[in-house]
Amino acid sequence: MSEQRSEQGSDWSSSTSGNGEYADVNGVRLYYELHGEGRPLVLLHGGLGSGEMFGPVLPVFAAGHQVILPDLQAHGRTADVDRPLTLEAMADDIAALITHLGHDEADVVGYSLGGGVAFHLALRHPDKVRRLVTCSAHVRTDAIYAEMRAQQGQVTGAAAEMMKGTPMYELYQRVAPRPEDFPRLLDKIGALMAVPFDLTDEVRGLQVPTLVMCGDADMAPPSHYVEVFGLLDGGLRDGGWTGEGRPKGGHALAVIPGATHYDVFLSPLFAASAVDFLDRD
């Protein structure tokens, strides 16, 4: 659920303001920004990135929502702390941030690593999530291509030198409180990706209306995301003239054309599809 290769071809040049605040949650001094007004919407970035990576599509989300744009543990402007990097802990951080900001609940959109955090947030704190969008977040270790699993197994701090010149490295050096911690982040990301997981049963029990999204050339094949949609009662019958055959939980599926794992979050269709889903009755 996180990136392990350079975002070659991705344009991160349109950044967010960088004028944010910090919330002390669960022992982490969590950086976040607020953009726009309206119903709260938490936007969770991918691995080795930060909230800045959504800069080009942020105006679409902020047009009718108050976007809460955090940097997850050890990413962006949020310094690392002395605990492992886990999806569960980061999900608890975001639940605490929602409470810190005075909201009972929020819509949550997560991409890649952020999608994994969003899944766990909805599983662990369903009362905090009104609607959920996960993009490029597979739910089983073996869902991604074998060559990608092999690459993930090589992610350690020793790879820091090779990553110089990538958007992730340059972003981290520019905004991180301790730029020298980049190898430590790679070690923690590598350790996170080395832990096998299978959320099949947990996904079946999701209580939150969920949009499952992916690129058509993602890290896992589109068939995996169709499978996840099926776990949510989707694609099992004709939808019917009035939608009576659609998934009972209000779930949906979107495959973004012409998109890979490394640029899907920049697609106008990513933002438009997410907002359309979140704004449905």
C-alpha atoms as a PDB file:
ATOM      1  CA  MET A   1       0.000   0.000   0.000  1.00  0.00           C
ATOM      2  CA  SER A   2       2.931   2.307  -0.486  1.00  0.00           C
ATOM      3  CA  GLU A   3       5.198   3.408  -3.299  1.00  0.00           C
ATOM      4  CA  GLN A   4       8.600   1.812  -3.611  1.00  0.00           C
ATOM      5  CA  ARG A   5       9.838   3.315  -6.890  1.00  0.00           C
ATOM      6  CA  SER A   6      10.378   6.872  -8.024  1.00  0.00           C
ATOM      7  CA  GLU A   7       7.349   8.857  -9.172  1.00  0.00           C
ATOM      8  CA  GLN A   8       8.952   9.376 -12.572  1.00  0.00           C
ATOM      9  CA  GLY A   9       6.725  11.520 -14.741  1.00  0.00           C
ATOM     10  CA  SER A  10       4.633  12.746 -11.810  1.00  0.00           C
ATOM     11  CA  ASP A  11       4.393  16.505 -11.340  1.00  0.00           C
ATOM     12  CA  TRP A  12       4.543  17.547  -7.701  1.00  0.00           C
ATOM     13  CA  SER A  13       5.480  21.135  -8.532  1.00  0.00           C
ATOM     14  CA  SER A  14       2.066  22.578  -7.645  1.00  0.00           C
ATOM     15  CA  SER A  15       2.360  22.351  -3.889  1.00  0.00           C
ATOM     16  CA  THR A  16       0.093  23.288  -1.026  1.00  0.00           C
ATOM     17  CA  SER A  17       0.653  26.382   1.076  1.00  0.00           C
ATOM     18  CA  GLY A  18       3.016  24.867   3.636  1.00  0.00           C
ATOM     19  CA  ASN A  19       1.363  27.161   6.196  1.00  0.00           C
ATOM     20  CA  GLY A  20      -0.075  24.558   8.515  1.00  0.00           C
ATOM     21  CA  GLU A  21      -0.373  23.716  12.178  1.00  0.00           C
ATOM     22  CA  TYR A  22       0.594  20.869  14.470  1.00  0.00           C
ATOM     23  CA  ALA A  23      -1.581  18.637  16.620  1.00  0.00           C
ATOM     24  CA  ASP A  24      -0.115  16.549  19.425  1.00  0.00           C
ATOM     25  CA  VAL A  25      -1.791  13.161  19.034  1.00  0.00           C
ATOM     26  CA  ASN A  26      -0.676   9.776  20.370  1.00  0.00           C
ATOM     27  CA  GLY A  27       2.852  11.032  20.994  1.00  0.00           C
ATOM     28  CA  VAL A  28       3.211  12.389  17.439  1.00  0.00           C
ATOM     29  CA  ARG A  29       3.440  16.080  16.561  1.00  0.00           C
ATOM     30  CA  LEU A  30       1.257  15.734  13.476  1.00  0.00           C
ATOM     31  CA  TYR A  31       1.460  18.433  10.800  1.00  0.00           C
ATOM     32  CA  TYR A  32      -1.735  19.344   8.977  1.00  0.00           C
ATOM     33  CA  GLU A  33      -3.178  22.058   6.766  1.00  0.00           C
ATOM     34  CA  LEU A  34      -6.786  23.197   6.311  1.00  0.00           C
ATOM     35  CA  HIS A  35      -8.073  24.225   2.878  1.00  0.00           C
ATOM     36  CA  GLY A  36     -11.551  25.352   1.861  1.00  0.00           C
ATOM     37  CA  GLU A  37     -14.830  25.314   3.758  1.00  0.00           C
ATOM     38  CA  GLY A  38     -17.626  22.815   4.166  1.00  0.00           C
ATOM     39  CA  ARG A  39     -17.965  19.238   5.351  1.00  0.00           C
ATOM     40  CA  PRO A  40     -14.597  17.947   6.633  1.00  0.00           C
ATOM     41  CA  LEU A  41     -12.595  15.743   4.271  1.00  0.00           C
ATOM     42  CA  VAL A  42      -9.309  14.106   5.271  1.00  0.00           C
ATOM     43  CA  LEU A  43      -6.906  13.588   2.348  1.00  0.00           C
ATOM     44  CA  LEU A  44      -4.135  11.026   3.018  1.00  0.00           C
ATOM     45  CA  HIS A  45      -0.977  10.920   0.905  1.00  0.00           C
ATOM     46  CA  GLY A  46       1.089   8.000  -0.374  1.00  0.00           C
ATOM     47  CA  GLY A  47       4.258   6.478   1.027  1.00  0.00           C
ATOM     48  CA  LEU A  48       7.401   8.659   0.969  1.00  0.00           C
ATOM     49  CA  GLY A  49       5.227  11.641   0.041  1.00  0.00           C
ATOM     50  CA  SER A  50       3.278  14.283   1.934  1.00  0.00           C
ATOM     51  CA  GLY A  51       0.080  16.242   1.617  1.00  0.00           C
ATOM     52  CA  GLU A  52       1.877  18.437  -0.929  1.00  0.00           C
ATOM     53  CA  MET A  53       1.607  15.728  -3.554  1.00  0.00           C
ATOM     54  CA  PHE A  54      -2.118  16.541  -3.920  1.00  0.00           C
ATOM     55  CA  GLY A  55      -1.385  20.172  -4.841  1.00  0.00           C
ATOM     56  CA  PRO A  56      -2.586  19.961  -8.478  1.00  0.00           C
ATOM     57  CA  VAL A  57      -5.969  18.414  -7.543  1.00  0.00           C
ATOM     58  CA  LEU A  58      -6.469  20.043  -4.141  1.00  0.00           C
ATOM     59  CA  PRO A  59      -8.715  22.842  -5.509  1.00  0.00           C
ATOM     60  CA  VAL A  60     -11.250  20.245  -6.671  1.00  0.00           C
ATOM     61  CA  PHE A  61     -11.515  18.780  -3.171  1.00  0.00           C
ATOM     62  CA  ALA A  62     -11.481  22.173  -1.442  1.00  0.00           C
ATOM     63  CA  ALA A  63     -14.172  23.712  -3.661  1.00  0.00           C
ATOM     64  CA  GLY A  64     -16.957  22.382  -1.437  1.00  0.00           C
ATOM     65  CA  HIS A  65     -15.202  20.836   1.558  1.00  0.00           C
ATOM     66  CA  GLN A  66     -12.860  21.723   4.364  1.00  0.00           C
ATOM     67  CA  VAL A  67      -9.874  19.611   3.388  1.00  0.00           C
ATOM     68  CA  ILE A  68      -7.751  18.344   6.280  1.00  0.00           C
ATOM     69  CA  LEU A  69      -4.342  17.611   4.771  1.00  0.00           C
ATOM     70  CA  PRO A  70      -2.027  15.832   7.238  1.00  0.00           C
ATOM     71  CA  ASP A  71       1.500  14.526   6.862  1.00  0.00           C
ATOM     72  CA  LEU A  72       1.612  11.009   8.297  1.00  0.00           C
ATOM     73  CA  GLN A  73       4.186   9.831  10.830  1.00  0.00           C
ATOM     74  CA  ALA A  74       7.768  10.315   9.550  1.00  0.00           C
ATOM     75  CA  HIS A  75       6.517  11.930   6.317  1.00  0.00           C
ATOM     76  CA  GLY A  76       6.706  15.513   5.132  1.00  0.00           C
ATOM     77  CA  ARG A  77       6.670  18.003   7.973  1.00  0.00           C
ATOM     78  CA  THR A  78       5.776  15.401  10.611  1.00  0.00           C
ATOM     79  CA  ALA A  79       8.911  14.134  12.339  1.00  0.00           C
ATOM     80  CA  ASP A  80       9.319  10.461  13.130  1.00  0.00           C
ATOM     81  CA  VAL A  81       8.870   9.136  16.663  1.00  0.00           C
ATOM     82  CA  ASP A  82      10.160   6.089  18.484  1.00  0.00           C
ATOM     83  CA  ARG A  83       7.546   3.595  17.337  1.00  0.00           C
ATOM     84  CA  PRO A  84       7.208   1.322  14.305  1.00  0.00           C
ATOM     85  CA  LEU A  85       5.456   2.648  11.227  1.00  0.00           C
ATOM     86  CA  THR A  86       2.147   0.764  11.097  1.00  0.00           C
ATOM     87  CA  LEU A  87      -1.125   1.362   9.320  1.00  0.00           C
ATOM     88  CA  GLU A  88      -2.998   0.792  12.569  1.00  0.00           C
ATOM     89  CA  ALA A  89      -1.043   3.421  14.522  1.00  0.00           C
ATOM     90  CA  MET A  90      -1.332   5.989  11.738  1.00  0.00           C
ATOM     91  CA  ALA A  91      -5.087   5.309  11.507  1.00  0.00           C
ATOM     92  CA  ASP A  92      -5.374   5.991  15.239  1.00  0.00           C
ATOM     93  CA  ASP A  93      -3.448   9.245  14.693  1.00  0.00           C
ATOM     94  CA  ILE A  94      -5.966  10.407  12.096  1.00  0.00           C
ATOM     95  CA  ALA A  95      -8.917   9.463  14.305  1.00  0.00           C
ATOM     96  CA  ALA A  96      -7.352  11.550  17.067  1.00  0.00           C
ATOM     97  CA  LEU A  97      -6.762  14.437  14.629  1.00  0.00           C
ATOM     98  CA  ILE A  98     -10.447  14.426  13.607  1.00  0.00           C
ATOM     99  CA  THR A  99     -11.375  14.665  17.290  1.00  0.00           C
ATOM    100  CA  HIS A 100      -8.709  17.318  17.904  1.00  0.00           C
ATOM    101  CA  LEU A 101     -10.284  19.499  15.210  1.00  0.00           C
ATOM    102  CA  GLY A 102     -13.694  19.213  16.868  1.00  0.00           C
ATOM    103  CA  HIS A 103     -15.367  16.965  14.296  1.00  0.00           C
ATOM    104  CA  ASP A 104     -17.506  13.959  15.114  1.00  0.00           C
ATOM    105  CA  GLU A 105     -16.704  12.421  11.726  1.00  0.00           C
ATOM    106  CA  ALA A 106     -15.157  13.214   8.357  1.00  0.00           C
ATOM    107  CA  ASP A 107     -15.028  11.910   4.823  1.00  0.00           C
ATOM    108  CA  VAL A 108     -11.681  10.199   4.208  1.00  0.00           C
ATOM    109  CA  VAL A 109      -9.788   9.842   0.915  1.00  0.00           C
ATOM    110  CA  GLY A 110      -6.546   7.880   0.919  1.00  0.00           C
ATOM    111  CA  TYR A 111      -4.061   7.020  -1.829  1.00  0.00           C
ATOM    112  CA  SER A 112      -1.645   4.043  -1.673  1.00  0.00           C
ATOM    113  CA  LEU A 113      -0.151   4.078   1.842  1.00  0.00           C
ATOM    114  CA  GLY A 114      -2.818   6.633   2.736  1.00  0.00           C
ATOM    115  CA  GLY A 115      -5.435   4.271   1.335  1.00  0.00           C
ATOM    116  CA  GLY A 116      -4.213   1.564   3.689  1.00  0.00           C
ATOM    117  CA  VAL A 117      -4.380   4.011   6.592  1.00  0.00           C
ATOM    118  CA  ALA A 118      -7.896   4.986   5.478  1.00  0.00           C
ATOM    119  CA  PHE A 119      -8.992   1.328   5.376  1.00  0.00           C
ATOM    120  CA  HIS A 120      -7.751   0.792   8.915  1.00  0.00           C
ATOM    121  CA  LEU A 121      -9.321   4.039  10.087  1.00  0.00           C
ATOM    122  CA  ALA A 122     -12.719   2.844   8.835  1.00  0.00           C
ATOM    123  CA  LEU A 123     -12.186  -0.580  10.401  1.00  0.00           C
ATOM    124  CA  ARG A 124     -10.937   0.652  13.780  1.00  0.00           C
ATOM    125  CA  HIS A 125     -12.951   3.879  14.077  1.00  0.00           C
ATOM    126  CA  PRO A 126     -16.066   3.524  11.885  1.00  0.00           C
ATOM    127  CA  ASP A 127     -17.802   6.239  13.885  1.00  0.00           C
ATOM    128  CA  LYS A 128     -15.185   8.725  12.670  1.00  0.00           C
ATOM    129  CA  VAL A 129     -15.653   8.048   8.932  1.00  0.00           C
ATOM    130  CA  ARG A 130     -18.757   9.215   7.058  1.00  0.00           C
ATOM    131  CA  ARG A 131     -17.639   7.997   3.627  1.00  0.00           C
ATOM    132  CA  LEU A 132     -14.407   6.352   2.501  1.00  0.00           C
ATOM    133  CA  VAL A 133     -12.422   6.503  -0.744  1.00  0.00           C
ATOM    134  CA  THR A 134      -9.388   4.253  -1.153  1.00  0.00           C
ATOM    135  CA  CYS A 135      -7.219   4.539  -4.244  1.00  0.00           C
ATOM    136  CA  SER A 136      -4.452   2.106  -5.233  1.00  0.00           C
ATOM    137  CA  ALA A 137      -4.659   0.325  -1.891  1.00  0.00           C
ATOM    138  CA  HIS A 138      -4.590  -3.449  -2.297  1.00  0.00           C
ATOM    139  CA  VAL A 139      -5.967  -5.598   0.515  1.00  0.00           C
ATOM    140  CA  ARG A 140      -3.700  -8.667   0.192  1.00  0.00           C
ATOM    141  CA  THR A 141       0.078  -8.859  -0.050  1.00  0.00           C
ATOM    142  CA  ASP A 142      -0.056 -11.278  -2.961  1.00  0.00           C
ATOM    143  CA  ALA A 143      -2.376  -9.015  -4.977  1.00  0.00           C
ATOM    144  CA  ILE A 144       0.497  -6.978  -6.398  1.00  0.00           C
ATOM    145  CA  TYR A 145       2.776  -8.227  -9.148  1.00  0.00           C
ATOM    146  CA  ALA A 146       5.620 -10.520  -8.082  1.00  0.00           C
ATOM    147  CA  GLU A 147       8.313  -8.199  -9.439  1.00  0.00           C
ATOM    148  CA  MET A 148       6.886  -5.364  -7.343  1.00  0.00           C
ATOM    149  CA  ARG A 149       7.004  -7.504  -4.186  1.00  0.00           C
ATOM    150  CA  ALA A 150      10.651  -8.223  -4.964  1.00  0.00           C
ATOM    151  CA  GLN A 151      11.371  -4.510  -5.300  1.00  0.00           C
ATOM    152  CA  GLN A 152       9.603  -3.770  -2.038  1.00  0.00           C
ATOM    153  CA  GLY A 153      11.838  -6.308  -0.330  1.00  0.00           C
ATOM    154  CA  GLN A 154      14.862  -4.217  -1.305  1.00  0.00           C
ATOM    155  CA  VAL A 155      13.646  -1.001   0.346  1.00  0.00           C
ATOM    156  CA  THR A 156      16.026  -0.116   3.189  1.00  0.00           C
ATOM    157  CA  GLY A 157      17.941   2.942   4.307  1.00  0.00           C
ATOM    158  CA  ALA A 158      20.775   1.815   2.064  1.00  0.00           C
ATOM    159  CA  ALA A 159      18.689   2.869  -0.935  1.00  0.00           C
ATOM    160  CA  ALA A 160      18.690   6.538   0.099  1.00  0.00           C
ATOM    161  CA  GLU A 161      21.660   7.404  -2.089  1.00  0.00           C
ATOM    162  CA  MET A 162      19.988   5.910  -5.170  1.00  0.00           C
ATOM    163  CA  MET A 163      16.832   7.920  -4.550  1.00  0.00           C
ATOM    164  CA  LYS A 164      18.549  11.285  -4.741  1.00  0.00           C
ATOM    165  CA  GLY A 165      16.936  13.298  -7.501  1.00  0.00           C
ATOM    166  CA  THR A 166      13.511  11.673  -7.130  1.00  0.00           C
ATOM    167  CA  PRO A 167      10.474  13.794  -6.184  1.00  0.00           C
ATOM    168  CA  MET A 168      10.161  11.926  -2.862  1.00  0.00           C
ATOM    169  CA  TYR A 169      13.765  12.589  -1.831  1.00  0.00           C
ATOM    170  CA  GLU A 170      13.690  16.227  -2.899  1.00  0.00           C
ATOM    171  CA  LEU A 171      10.391  16.843  -1.089  1.00  0.00           C
ATOM    172  CA  TYR A 172      11.697  15.264   2.096  1.00  0.00           C
ATOM    173  CA  GLN A 173      14.905  17.282   2.022  1.00  0.00           C
ATOM    174  CA  ARG A 174      12.932  20.479   1.534  1.00  0.00           C
ATOM    175  CA  VAL A 175      10.262  20.115   4.230  1.00  0.00           C
ATOM    176  CA  ALA A 176      11.228  17.456   6.786  1.00  0.00           C
ATOM    177  CA  PRO A 177      12.143  18.693  10.293  1.00  0.00           C
ATOM    178  CA  ARG A 178      15.146  16.338  10.164  1.00  0.00           C
ATOM    179  CA  PRO A 179      16.159  15.790   6.519  1.00  0.00           C
ATOM    180  CA  GLU A 180      18.853  13.349   7.641  1.00  0.00           C
ATOM    181  CA  ASP A 181      16.103  10.923   8.714  1.00  0.00           C
ATOM    182  CA  PHE A 182      15.302   9.863   5.124  1.00  0.00           C
ATOM    183  CA  PRO A 183      17.220   6.541   5.408  1.00  0.00           C
ATOM    184  CA  ARG A 184      15.337   5.864   8.651  1.00  0.00           C
ATOM    185  CA  LEU A 185      12.036   6.419   6.840  1.00  0.00           C
ATOM    186  CA  LEU A 186      13.088   3.979   4.121  1.00  0.00           C
ATOM    187  CA  ASP A 187      13.953   1.390   6.776  1.00  0.00           C
ATOM    188  CA  LYS A 188      10.532   1.800   8.369  1.00  0.00           C
ATOM    189  CA  ILE A 189       8.657   1.728   5.061  1.00  0.00           C
ATOM    190  CA  GLY A 190      10.588  -1.410   4.095  1.00  0.00           C
ATOM    191  CA  ALA A 191       9.739  -3.054   7.412  1.00  0.00           C
ATOM    192  CA  LEU A 192       6.063  -2.155   6.963  1.00  0.00           C
ATOM    193  CA  MET A 193       5.919  -3.630   3.456  1.00  0.00           C
ATOM    194  CA  ALA A 194       7.693  -6.811   4.633  1.00  0.00           C
ATOM    195  CA  VAL A 195       4.765  -7.780   6.876  1.00  0.00           C
ATOM    196  CA  PRO A 196       2.294 -10.017   4.988  1.00  0.00           C
ATOM    197  CA  PHE A 197      -1.352  -9.037   5.319  1.00  0.00           C
ATOM    198  CA  ASP A 198      -4.782 -10.120   4.141  1.00  0.00           C
ATOM    199  CA  LEU A 199      -7.730  -7.856   4.930  1.00  0.00           C
ATOM    200  CA  THR A 200     -10.277  -9.925   3.011  1.00  0.00           C
ATOM    201  CA  ASP A 201     -12.467 -10.723   6.006  1.00  0.00           C
ATOM    202  CA  GLU A 202     -12.141  -7.212   7.416  1.00  0.00           C
ATOM    203  CA  VAL A 203     -13.232  -5.629   4.126  1.00  0.00           C
ATOM    204  CA  ARG A 204     -16.371  -7.769   4.117  1.00  0.00           C
ATOM    205  CA  GLY A 205     -17.283  -6.189   7.444  1.00  0.00           C
ATOM    206  CA  LEU A 206     -16.763  -2.549   6.448  1.00  0.00           C
ATOM    207  CA  GLN A 207     -19.596  -0.445   7.852  1.00  0.00           C
ATOM    208  CA  VAL A 208     -18.734   2.707   5.889  1.00  0.00           C
ATOM    209  CA  PRO A 209     -19.866   3.475   2.300  1.00  0.00           C
ATOM    210  CA  THR A 210     -16.671   2.944   0.309  1.00  0.00           C
ATOM    211  CA  LEU A 211     -15.418   3.850  -3.162  1.00  0.00           C
ATOM    212  CA  VAL A 212     -12.699   1.449  -4.326  1.00  0.00           C
ATOM    213  CA  MET A 213     -10.499   3.135  -6.915  1.00  0.00           C
ATOM    214  CA  CYS A 214      -7.413   2.213  -8.929  1.00  0.00           C
ATOM    215  CA  GLY A 215      -5.499   3.070 -12.075  1.00  0.00           C
ATOM    216  CA  ASP A 216      -5.970   0.768 -15.038  1.00  0.00           C
ATOM    217  CA  ALA A 217      -2.222  -0.035 -14.915  1.00  0.00           C
ATOM    218  CA  ASP A 218      -1.789  -0.025 -11.143  1.00  0.00           C
ATOM    219  CA  MET A 219       0.567  -1.979  -8.879  1.00  0.00           C
ATOM    220  CA  ALA A 220      -2.154  -4.621  -8.587  1.00  0.00           C
ATOM    221  CA  PRO A 221      -4.303  -5.577 -11.602  1.00  0.00           C
ATOM    222  CA  PRO A 222      -7.781  -4.065 -11.970  1.00  0.00           C
ATOM    223  CA  SER A 223      -9.189  -7.520 -11.292  1.00  0.00           C
ATOM    224  CA  HIS A 224      -8.018  -7.245  -7.687  1.00  0.00           C
ATOM    225  CA  TYR A 225     -10.023  -4.081  -7.128  1.00  0.00           C
ATOM    226  CA  VAL A 226     -13.039  -5.710  -8.780  1.00  0.00           C
ATOM    227  CA  GLU A 227     -12.536  -8.523  -6.253  1.00  0.00           C
ATOM    228  CA  VAL A 228     -12.508  -5.986  -3.397  1.00  0.00           C
ATOM    229  CA  PHE A 229     -15.711  -4.471  -4.799  1.00  0.00           C
ATOM    230  CA  GLY A 230     -17.178  -7.960  -4.772  1.00  0.00           C
ATOM    231  CA  LEU A 231     -16.329  -8.336  -1.090  1.00  0.00           C
ATOM    232  CA  LEU A 232     -18.493  -5.255  -0.599  1.00  0.00           C
ATOM    233  CA  ASP A 233     -21.463  -6.842  -2.401  1.00  0.00           C
ATOM    234  CA  GLY A 234     -20.602  -5.117  -5.670  1.00  0.00           C
ATOM    235  CA  GLY A 235     -20.707  -6.565  -9.173  1.00  0.00           C
ATOM    236  CA  LEU A 236     -22.728  -9.602  -8.128  1.00  0.00           C
ATOM    237  CA  ARG A 237     -25.958  -8.764  -9.954  1.00  0.00           C
ATOM    238  CA  ASP A 238     -27.510  -6.339 -12.396  1.00  0.00           C
ATOM    239  CA  GLY A 239     -27.897  -2.911 -10.808  1.00  0.00           C
ATOM    240  CA  GLY A 240     -31.503  -2.514 -11.929  1.00  0.00           C
ATOM    241  CA  TRP A 241     -33.369   0.392 -13.466  1.00  0.00           C
ATOM    242  CA  THR A 242     -33.490   2.303 -10.180  1.00  0.00           C
ATOM    243  CA  GLY A 243     -30.232   1.010  -8.696  1.00  0.00           C
ATOM    244  CA  GLU A 244     -31.995  -1.513  -6.503  1.00  0.00           C
ATOM    245  CA  GLY A 245     -29.341  -4.111  -7.350  1.00  0.00           C
ATOM    246  CA  ARG A 246     -26.394  -1.951  -6.372  1.00  0.00           C
ATOM    247  CA  PRO A 247     -24.325  -2.896  -3.283  1.00  0.00           C
ATOM    248  CA  LYS A 248     -26.420  -2.619  -0.144  1.00  0.00           C
ATOM    249  CA  GLY A 249     -23.829  -0.519   1.664  1.00  0.00           C
ATOM    250  CA  GLY A 250     -23.686   2.197  -0.988  1.00  0.00           C
ATOM    251  CA  HIS A 251     -20.243   1.078  -2.184  1.00  0.00           C
ATOM    252  CA  ALA A 252     -18.815   1.886  -5.621  1.00  0.00           C
ATOM    253  CA  LEU A 253     -15.903   1.103  -7.955  1.00  0.00           C
ATOM    254  CA  ALA A 254     -13.849   3.362 -10.233  1.00  0.00           C
ATOM    255  CA  VAL A 255     -11.005   2.400 -12.585  1.00  0.00           C
ATOM    256  CA  ILE A 256      -9.118   5.494 -13.761  1.00  0.00           C
ATOM    257  CA  PRO A 257      -8.107   5.147 -17.430  1.00  0.00           C
ATOM    258  CA  GLY A 258      -4.554   5.855 -18.548  1.00  0.00           C
ATOM    259  CA  ALA A 259      -3.241   5.882 -14.972  1.00  0.00           C
ATOM    260  CA  THR A 260      -0.492   4.003 -13.151  1.00  0.00           C
ATOM    261  CA  HIS A 261       0.173   3.621  -9.451  1.00  0.00           C
ATOM    262  CA  TYR A 262       2.588   6.530  -9.686  1.00  0.00           C
ATOM    263  CA  ASP A 263       0.375   9.179 -11.254  1.00  0.00           C
ATOM    264  CA  VAL A 264      -3.241   8.190 -10.559  1.00  0.00           C
ATOM    265  CA  PHE A 265      -3.499  10.689  -7.686  1.00  0.00           C
ATOM    266  CA  LEU A 266      -2.815  13.520 -10.158  1.00  0.00           C
ATOM    267  CA  SER A 267      -5.584  12.525 -12.560  1.00  0.00           C
ATOM    268  CA  PRO A 268      -8.514  14.954 -12.696  1.00  0.00           C
ATOM    269  CA  LEU A 269     -10.712  11.849 -12.731  1.00  0.00           C
ATOM    270  CA  PHE A 270      -9.307  10.788  -9.344  1.00  0.00           C
ATOM    271  CA  ALA A 271     -10.513  13.985  -7.686  1.00  0.00           C
ATOM    272  CA  ALA A 272     -13.749  14.219  -9.679  1.00  0.00           C
ATOM    273  CA  SER A 273     -14.725  10.599  -8.957  1.00  0.00           C
ATOM    274  CA  ALA A 274     -13.938  10.937  -5.260  1.00  0.00           C
ATOM    275  CA  VAL A 275     -15.909  14.166  -4.862  1.00  0.00           C
ATOM    276  CA  ASP A 276     -18.858  12.775  -6.828  1.00  0.00           C
ATOM    277  CA  PHE A 277     -18.998   9.773  -4.500  1.00  0.00           C
ATOM    278  CA  LEU A 278     -18.604  11.816  -1.322  1.00  0.00           C
ATOM    279  CA  ASP A 279     -21.317  14.284  -2.312  1.00  0.00           C
ATOM    280  CA  ARG A 280     -24.006  11.714  -3.081  1.00  0.00           C
ATOM    281  CA  ASP A 281     -27.001  11.584  -0.770  1.00  0.00           C
END
